Amino acid sequence: MSQYSVNINNFSNQNGFHIYPNPSSGTVTIIYSSTVNKNQMVAVYNILGEVVYSEIWNNSIRQKTIDLSHLRRGLYLICIGDETRKLILG
């Protein structure tokens, strides 16, 4: 049997983004903490892989609230650049 050590620091989002509240009833705040100095595509995907929201954020945006209340309850993926997070709408 092999043994592996997992360090909680491996799961840090220091260079990614955070979503709150999660789960959400529809209005979500995204705090973007990346040091990338270029515009980023923000996309929300439903469980079928369809884009249900997208926007280009310029490099000066570090926090934004988006309204997803028009979407059905369920699991969604929020992608910014090469970072992805799960969002539950309920």
N, C-alpha and C. Protein backbone atom coordinates (compact mmCIF):
# COMPACT_ATOMS: atom_id res chain seq x y z
N MET A 1 0.84 -1.17 0.00
CA MET A 1 0.00 0.00 0.00
C MET A 1 0.89 1.24 0.00
N SER A 2 0.59 2.16 -0.86
CA SER A 2 1.33 3.42 -0.94
C SER A 2 0.72 4.43 0.00
N GLN A 3 1.56 5.28 0.58
CA GLN A 3 1.06 6.34 1.43
C GLN A 3 1.35 7.68 0.77
N TYR A 4 0.37 8.56 0.85
CA TYR A 4 0.50 9.89 0.26
C TYR A 4 0.17 10.91 1.34
N SER A 5 0.85 12.01 1.30
CA SER A 5 0.57 13.09 2.22
C SER A 5 -0.10 14.22 1.45
N VAL A 6 -1.17 14.74 2.00
CA VAL A 6 -1.86 15.86 1.37
C VAL A 6 -1.76 17.05 2.30
N ASN A 7 -1.27 18.14 1.77
CA ASN A 7 -1.13 19.37 2.54
C ASN A 7 -2.26 20.30 2.15
N ILE A 8 -2.96 20.81 3.12
CA ILE A 8 -4.11 21.69 2.84
C ILE A 8 -3.70 22.91 2.04
N ASN A 9 -2.46 23.34 2.12
CA ASN A 9 -1.99 24.50 1.35
C ASN A 9 -2.03 24.25 -0.15
N ASN A 10 -2.06 22.97 -0.55
CA ASN A 10 -2.15 22.64 -1.97
C ASN A 10 -3.48 23.09 -2.57
N PHE A 11 -4.47 23.34 -1.73
CA PHE A 11 -5.79 23.70 -2.21
C PHE A 11 -6.07 25.19 -2.07
N SER A 12 -5.07 25.98 -1.86
CA SER A 12 -5.23 27.41 -1.69
C SER A 12 -5.66 28.06 -2.99
N ASN A 13 -6.48 29.12 -2.90
CA ASN A 13 -6.95 29.85 -4.08
C ASN A 13 -6.27 31.21 -4.18
N GLN A 14 -5.03 31.32 -3.73
CA GLN A 14 -4.39 32.63 -3.69
C GLN A 14 -4.34 33.29 -5.06
N ASN A 15 -4.17 32.54 -6.10
CA ASN A 15 -4.08 33.13 -7.44
C ASN A 15 -5.32 32.83 -8.27
N GLY A 16 -6.44 32.54 -7.64
CA GLY A 16 -7.65 32.22 -8.36
C GLY A 16 -8.77 33.16 -8.02
N PHE A 17 -9.93 32.59 -7.73
CA PHE A 17 -11.07 33.41 -7.37
C PHE A 17 -11.94 32.68 -6.36
N HIS A 18 -12.73 33.45 -5.64
CA HIS A 18 -13.65 32.93 -4.65
C HIS A 18 -15.06 33.36 -5.02
N ILE A 19 -16.04 32.52 -4.67
CA ILE A 19 -17.44 32.80 -4.95
C ILE A 19 -18.20 32.79 -3.63
N TYR A 20 -19.02 33.78 -3.42
CA TYR A 20 -19.90 33.73 -2.26
C TYR A 20 -21.19 34.49 -2.55
N PRO A 21 -22.30 34.13 -1.95
CA PRO A 21 -22.47 32.91 -1.16
C PRO A 21 -22.53 31.70 -2.09
N ASN A 22 -22.19 30.57 -1.57
CA ASN A 22 -22.24 29.32 -2.34
C ASN A 22 -22.59 28.20 -1.38
N PRO A 23 -23.81 27.70 -1.44
CA PRO A 23 -24.86 27.86 -2.42
C PRO A 23 -25.47 29.26 -2.40
N SER A 24 -26.11 29.59 -3.53
CA SER A 24 -26.68 30.92 -3.70
C SER A 24 -28.11 30.82 -4.23
N SER A 25 -28.89 31.86 -3.93
CA SER A 25 -30.24 31.93 -4.49
C SER A 25 -30.25 32.64 -5.83
N GLY A 26 -29.10 33.17 -6.26
CA GLY A 26 -29.03 33.78 -7.58
C GLY A 26 -28.02 34.90 -7.73
N THR A 27 -27.85 35.73 -6.71
CA THR A 27 -26.87 36.80 -6.78
C THR A 27 -25.56 36.30 -6.18
N VAL A 28 -24.49 36.39 -6.96
CA VAL A 28 -23.21 35.82 -6.58
C VAL A 28 -22.13 36.90 -6.68
N THR A 29 -21.28 36.97 -5.69
CA THR A 29 -20.13 37.86 -5.74
C THR A 29 -18.88 37.03 -6.01
N ILE A 30 -18.10 37.49 -6.97
CA ILE A 30 -16.85 36.82 -7.31
C ILE A 30 -15.71 37.75 -6.93
N ILE A 31 -14.81 37.25 -6.11
CA ILE A 31 -13.60 38.00 -5.77
C ILE A 31 -12.45 37.36 -6.53
N TYR A 32 -11.85 38.14 -7.39
CA TYR A 32 -10.79 37.66 -8.27
C TYR A 32 -9.46 38.11 -7.72
N SER A 33 -8.60 37.17 -7.39
CA SER A 33 -7.33 37.51 -6.74
C SER A 33 -6.11 37.19 -7.60
N SER A 34 -6.30 37.01 -8.86
CA SER A 34 -5.18 36.68 -9.75
C SER A 34 -4.30 37.90 -9.99
N THR A 35 -3.06 37.64 -10.26
CA THR A 35 -2.12 38.70 -10.59
C THR A 35 -1.91 38.82 -12.09
N VAL A 36 -2.74 38.15 -12.88
CA VAL A 36 -2.64 38.21 -14.33
C VAL A 36 -2.98 39.63 -14.80
N ASN A 37 -2.18 40.17 -15.67
CA ASN A 37 -2.38 41.55 -16.14
C ASN A 37 -2.99 41.58 -17.54
N LYS A 38 -4.04 40.83 -17.73
CA LYS A 38 -4.73 40.84 -19.02
C LYS A 38 -6.22 40.65 -18.78
N ASN A 39 -7.01 40.97 -19.78
CA ASN A 39 -8.45 40.76 -19.68
C ASN A 39 -8.75 39.27 -19.56
N GLN A 40 -9.81 38.94 -18.82
CA GLN A 40 -10.18 37.55 -18.61
C GLN A 40 -11.61 37.31 -19.04
N MET A 41 -11.87 36.18 -19.65
CA MET A 41 -13.22 35.75 -19.98
C MET A 41 -13.80 35.07 -18.75
N VAL A 42 -14.98 35.51 -18.33
CA VAL A 42 -15.71 34.88 -17.25
C VAL A 42 -16.89 34.18 -17.89
N ALA A 43 -17.03 32.88 -17.60
CA ALA A 43 -18.12 32.12 -18.19
C ALA A 43 -18.75 31.22 -17.13
N VAL A 44 -20.07 31.11 -17.20
CA VAL A 44 -20.81 30.21 -16.33
C VAL A 44 -21.44 29.15 -17.24
N TYR A 45 -21.20 27.88 -16.88
CA TYR A 45 -21.70 26.75 -17.67
C TYR A 45 -22.71 25.97 -16.85
N ASN A 46 -23.75 25.48 -17.52
CA ASN A 46 -24.68 24.58 -16.84
C ASN A 46 -24.11 23.16 -16.89
N ILE A 47 -24.83 22.22 -16.34
CA ILE A 47 -24.34 20.84 -16.24
C ILE A 47 -24.22 20.18 -17.61
N LEU A 48 -24.89 20.75 -18.62
CA LEU A 48 -24.79 20.21 -19.98
C LEU A 48 -23.62 20.80 -20.76
N GLY A 49 -22.89 21.73 -20.12
CA GLY A 49 -21.75 22.36 -20.78
C GLY A 49 -22.12 23.57 -21.62
N GLU A 50 -23.35 24.03 -21.51
CA GLU A 50 -23.80 25.21 -22.25
C GLU A 50 -23.43 26.48 -21.50
N VAL A 51 -22.97 27.48 -22.23
CA VAL A 51 -22.65 28.78 -21.62
C VAL A 51 -23.97 29.49 -21.32
N VAL A 52 -24.19 29.83 -20.04
CA VAL A 52 -25.42 30.52 -19.64
C VAL A 52 -25.14 31.96 -19.24
N TYR A 53 -23.88 32.33 -19.13
CA TYR A 53 -23.47 33.71 -18.83
C TYR A 53 -22.01 33.84 -19.25
N SER A 54 -21.68 34.95 -19.88
CA SER A 54 -20.27 35.21 -20.20
C SER A 54 -20.04 36.72 -20.28
N GLU A 55 -18.83 37.09 -19.96
CA GLU A 55 -18.45 38.51 -19.97
C GLU A 55 -16.92 38.58 -19.96
N ILE A 56 -16.39 39.61 -20.59
CA ILE A 56 -14.95 39.87 -20.51
C ILE A 56 -14.72 40.87 -19.39
N TRP A 57 -13.88 40.50 -18.46
CA TRP A 57 -13.51 41.40 -17.37
C TRP A 57 -12.15 41.98 -17.66
N ASN A 58 -12.02 43.31 -17.53
CA ASN A 58 -10.70 43.90 -17.73
C ASN A 58 -9.83 43.62 -16.51
N ASN A 59 -8.56 43.84 -16.65
CA ASN A 59 -7.61 43.44 -15.61
C ASN A 59 -7.72 44.26 -14.33
N SER A 60 -8.53 45.31 -14.31
CA SER A 60 -8.66 46.11 -13.09
C SER A 60 -9.79 45.60 -12.18
N ILE A 61 -10.64 44.70 -12.69
CA ILE A 61 -11.75 44.18 -11.89
C ILE A 61 -11.21 43.14 -10.92
N ARG A 62 -11.50 43.33 -9.64
CA ARG A 62 -11.09 42.37 -8.62
C ARG A 62 -12.29 41.80 -7.88
N GLN A 63 -13.46 42.45 -8.01
CA GLN A 63 -14.67 41.96 -7.37
C GLN A 63 -15.86 42.39 -8.20
N LYS A 64 -16.81 41.48 -8.37
CA LYS A 64 -18.00 41.82 -9.13
C LYS A 64 -19.15 40.94 -8.66
N THR A 65 -20.34 41.53 -8.62
CA THR A 65 -21.55 40.80 -8.28
C THR A 65 -22.34 40.59 -9.56
N ILE A 66 -22.73 39.34 -9.80
CA ILE A 66 -23.52 39.03 -10.99
C ILE A 66 -24.84 38.40 -10.56
N ASP A 67 -25.88 38.66 -11.34
CA ASP A 67 -27.21 38.16 -11.05
C ASP A 67 -27.48 36.95 -11.93
N LEU A 68 -27.58 35.79 -11.30
CA LEU A 68 -27.88 34.56 -12.01
C LEU A 68 -29.24 34.01 -11.61
N SER A 69 -30.08 34.87 -11.05
CA SER A 69 -31.38 34.43 -10.54
C SER A 69 -32.32 33.94 -11.64
N HIS A 70 -32.03 34.26 -12.89
CA HIS A 70 -32.85 33.79 -14.00
C HIS A 70 -32.58 32.33 -14.35
N LEU A 71 -31.52 31.76 -13.75
CA LEU A 71 -31.16 30.37 -14.04
C LEU A 71 -31.92 29.42 -13.13
N ARG A 72 -32.08 28.20 -13.60
CA ARG A 72 -32.75 27.16 -12.82
C ARG A 72 -31.85 26.69 -11.69
N ARG A 73 -32.46 26.13 -10.66
CA ARG A 73 -31.69 25.56 -9.56
C ARG A 73 -30.82 24.43 -10.07
N GLY A 74 -29.60 24.33 -9.52
CA GLY A 74 -28.73 23.23 -9.93
C GLY A 74 -27.27 23.57 -9.78
N LEU A 75 -26.44 22.74 -10.36
CA LEU A 75 -24.99 22.87 -10.30
C LEU A 75 -24.48 23.58 -11.55
N TYR A 76 -23.59 24.55 -11.34
CA TYR A 76 -23.00 25.31 -12.45
C TYR A 76 -21.49 25.38 -12.23
N LEU A 77 -20.77 25.65 -13.29
CA LEU A 77 -19.34 25.86 -13.22
C LEU A 77 -19.03 27.28 -13.63
N ILE A 78 -18.24 27.97 -12.81
CA ILE A 78 -17.79 29.32 -13.15
C ILE A 78 -16.32 29.22 -13.52
N CYS A 79 -15.98 29.71 -14.71
CA CYS A 79 -14.61 29.63 -15.20
C CYS A 79 -14.08 31.03 -15.47
N ILE A 80 -12.89 31.29 -14.96
CA ILE A 80 -12.16 32.52 -15.26
C ILE A 80 -10.77 32.09 -15.66
N GLY A 81 -10.41 32.37 -16.91
CA GLY A 81 -9.12 31.90 -17.40
C GLY A 81 -9.07 30.39 -17.32
N ASP A 82 -8.06 29.85 -16.66
CA ASP A 82 -7.93 28.40 -16.52
C ASP A 82 -8.38 27.89 -15.14
N GLU A 83 -9.06 28.74 -14.38
CA GLU A 83 -9.56 28.38 -13.05
C GLU A 83 -11.06 28.09 -13.14
N THR A 84 -11.51 27.05 -12.45
CA THR A 84 -12.93 26.68 -12.45
C THR A 84 -13.37 26.41 -11.02
N ARG A 85 -14.59 26.86 -10.70
CA ARG A 85 -15.19 26.62 -9.40
C ARG A 85 -16.64 26.15 -9.61
N LYS A 86 -17.12 25.35 -8.67
CA LYS A 86 -18.51 24.90 -8.69
C LYS A 86 -19.39 25.91 -7.98
N LEU A 87 -20.58 26.09 -8.50
CA LEU A 87 -21.58 26.96 -7.88
C LEU A 87 -22.89 26.21 -7.82
N ILE A 88 -23.53 26.25 -6.66
CA ILE A 88 -24.84 25.63 -6.51
C ILE A 88 -25.88 26.74 -6.39
N LEU A 89 -26.86 26.71 -7.30
CA LEU A 89 -27.98 27.64 -7.22
C LEU A 89 -29.16 26.87 -6.65
N GLY A 90 -29.77 27.42 -5.61
CA GLY A 90 -30.87 26.68 -4.99
C GLY A 90 -32.00 27.56 -4.54
